[in-house]
Amino acid sequence: MSGLSKVRKSILPEAGDGWAEIARRELPDLPEVEAVNRLQSWNLHVFLRAPAPAGSPRAGNPILPSDVIFVEPPLAP
């Protein structure tokens, strides 16, 4: 029987979270701009999604409460 593999650390965002809010909460030791850049590069599945249309409650924010947001880089093989 094989052991459990290490799982990449991730979160589900809180309602209304944007990149900056997640960066401040999950990567507090980094400058905000660097932390946001890292999060976006680790989460291209969300970062490259088209933002919600103007007038929508989520306008300009592609992050959904159901998105899995990785808060660490991909694990080495």
C-alpha atoms as a PDB file:
ATOM      1  CA  MET A   1       0.000   0.000   0.000  1.00  0.00           C
ATOM      2  CA  SER A   2       1.429   3.377  -0.949  1.00  0.00           C
ATOM      3  CA  GLY A   3       1.565   6.312   1.443  1.00  0.00           C
ATOM      4  CA  LEU A   4      -0.292   9.556   1.000  1.00  0.00           C
ATOM      5  CA  SER A   5       1.282  12.051  -1.329  1.00  0.00           C
ATOM      6  CA  LYS A   6       1.920  15.641  -0.294  1.00  0.00           C
ATOM      7  CA  VAL A   7      -0.882  17.958  -1.399  1.00  0.00           C
ATOM      8  CA  ARG A   8      -0.208  21.474  -2.617  1.00  0.00           C
ATOM      9  CA  LYS A   9      -1.551  24.047  -0.148  1.00  0.00           C
ATOM     10  CA  SER A  10      -4.717  25.742  -1.372  1.00  0.00           C
ATOM     11  CA  ILE A  11      -7.677  27.727  -0.078  1.00  0.00           C
ATOM     12  CA  LEU A  12     -11.220  28.559  -1.096  1.00  0.00           C
ATOM     13  CA  PRO A  13     -11.558  32.359  -1.265  1.00  0.00           C
ATOM     14  CA  GLU A  14     -13.874  34.259   1.003  1.00  0.00           C
ATOM     15  CA  ALA A  15     -16.776  36.144  -0.572  1.00  0.00           C
ATOM     16  CA  GLY A  16     -15.499  39.282  -2.251  1.00  0.00           C
ATOM     17  CA  ASP A  17     -11.832  38.266  -2.150  1.00  0.00           C
ATOM     18  CA  GLY A  18      -9.554  39.689  -4.796  1.00  0.00           C
ATOM     19  CA  TRP A  19      -5.870  38.971  -5.382  1.00  0.00           C
ATOM     20  CA  ALA A  20      -4.720  41.649  -2.918  1.00  0.00           C
ATOM     21  CA  GLU A  21      -6.914  40.364  -0.068  1.00  0.00           C
ATOM     22  CA  ILE A  22      -5.717  36.798  -0.556  1.00  0.00           C
ATOM     23  CA  ALA A  23      -2.089  37.959  -0.826  1.00  0.00           C
ATOM     24  CA  ARG A  24      -2.274  39.939   2.440  1.00  0.00           C
ATOM     25  CA  ARG A  25      -3.879  37.033   4.283  1.00  0.00           C
ATOM     26  CA  GLU A  26      -1.915  34.085   2.856  1.00  0.00           C
ATOM     27  CA  LEU A  27       1.514  35.601   2.056  1.00  0.00           C
ATOM     28  CA  PRO A  28       1.889  38.321   4.716  1.00  0.00           C
ATOM     29  CA  ASP A  29       5.707  38.221   4.735  1.00  0.00           C
ATOM     30  CA  LEU A  30       5.961  39.357   1.092  1.00  0.00           C
ATOM     31  CA  PRO A  31       5.391  42.828  -0.334  1.00  0.00           C
ATOM     32  CA  GLU A  32       1.823  42.915  -1.664  1.00  0.00           C
ATOM     33  CA  VAL A  33       2.791  43.357  -5.336  1.00  0.00           C
ATOM     34  CA  GLU A  34       5.170  40.384  -5.208  1.00  0.00           C
ATOM     35  CA  ALA A  35       2.631  38.248  -3.340  1.00  0.00           C
ATOM     36  CA  VAL A  36      -0.114  39.062  -5.886  1.00  0.00           C
ATOM     37  CA  ASN A  37       2.239  38.267  -8.774  1.00  0.00           C
ATOM     38  CA  ARG A  38       3.111  34.907  -7.249  1.00  0.00           C
ATOM     39  CA  LEU A  39      -0.517  34.009  -6.595  1.00  0.00           C
ATOM     40  CA  GLN A  40      -1.495  34.905 -10.145  1.00  0.00           C
ATOM     41  CA  SER A  41       1.349  32.830 -11.620  1.00  0.00           C
ATOM     42  CA  TRP A  42       0.356  29.816  -9.489  1.00  0.00           C
ATOM     43  CA  ASN A  43      -3.334  30.194 -10.431  1.00  0.00           C
ATOM     44  CA  LEU A  44      -3.461  30.774 -14.175  1.00  0.00           C
ATOM     45  CA  HIS A  45      -6.753  28.850 -14.282  1.00  0.00           C
ATOM     46  CA  VAL A  46      -8.308  31.826 -12.449  1.00  0.00           C
ATOM     47  CA  PHE A  47      -6.021  34.709 -13.454  1.00  0.00           C
ATOM     48  CA  LEU A  48      -6.619  34.193 -17.185  1.00  0.00           C
ATOM     49  CA  ARG A  49     -10.405  33.905 -16.826  1.00  0.00           C
ATOM     50  CA  ALA A  50     -12.346  36.809 -18.281  1.00  0.00           C
ATOM     51  CA  PRO A  51     -13.573  39.169 -15.561  1.00  0.00           C
ATOM     52  CA  ALA A  52     -17.254  39.542 -14.801  1.00  0.00           C
ATOM     53  CA  PRO A  53     -19.070  42.096 -16.983  1.00  0.00           C
ATOM     54  CA  ALA A  54     -19.400  45.727 -15.915  1.00  0.00           C
ATOM     55  CA  GLY A  55     -22.380  46.237 -13.655  1.00  0.00           C
ATOM     56  CA  SER A  56     -22.053  42.750 -12.170  1.00  0.00           C
ATOM     57  CA  PRO A  57     -21.468  42.448  -8.396  1.00  0.00           C
ATOM     58  CA  ARG A  58     -18.121  40.835  -9.274  1.00  0.00           C
ATOM     59  CA  ALA A  59     -17.149  43.358 -11.971  1.00  0.00           C
ATOM     60  CA  GLY A  60     -13.414  43.273 -12.581  1.00  0.00           C
ATOM     61  CA  ASN A  61     -12.795  40.288 -10.297  1.00  0.00           C
ATOM     62  CA  PRO A  62     -12.393  36.837 -11.838  1.00  0.00           C
ATOM     63  CA  ILE A  63     -12.215  35.064  -8.464  1.00  0.00           C
ATOM     64  CA  LEU A  64     -15.247  32.999  -7.441  1.00  0.00           C
ATOM     65  CA  PRO A  65     -15.879  31.635  -3.930  1.00  0.00           C
ATOM     66  CA  SER A  66     -15.783  28.119  -5.432  1.00  0.00           C
ATOM     67  CA  ASP A  67     -12.310  28.544  -6.995  1.00  0.00           C
ATOM     68  CA  VAL A  68      -9.413  26.543  -5.620  1.00  0.00           C
ATOM     69  CA  ILE A  69      -6.588  29.061  -5.103  1.00  0.00           C
ATOM     70  CA  PHE A  70      -3.092  27.631  -4.700  1.00  0.00           C
ATOM     71  CA  VAL A  71      -1.036  29.517  -2.110  1.00  0.00           C
ATOM     72  CA  GLU A  72       2.279  27.816  -2.802  1.00  0.00           C
ATOM     73  CA  PRO A  73       4.163  27.027  -6.007  1.00  0.00           C
ATOM     74  CA  PRO A  74       3.775  23.712  -7.831  1.00  0.00           C
ATOM     75  CA  LEU A  75       5.436  20.853  -5.987  1.00  0.00           C
ATOM     76  CA  ALA A  76       8.556  19.321  -7.500  1.00  0.00           C
ATOM     77  CA  PRO A  77       8.004  15.832  -8.996  1.00  0.00           C
END
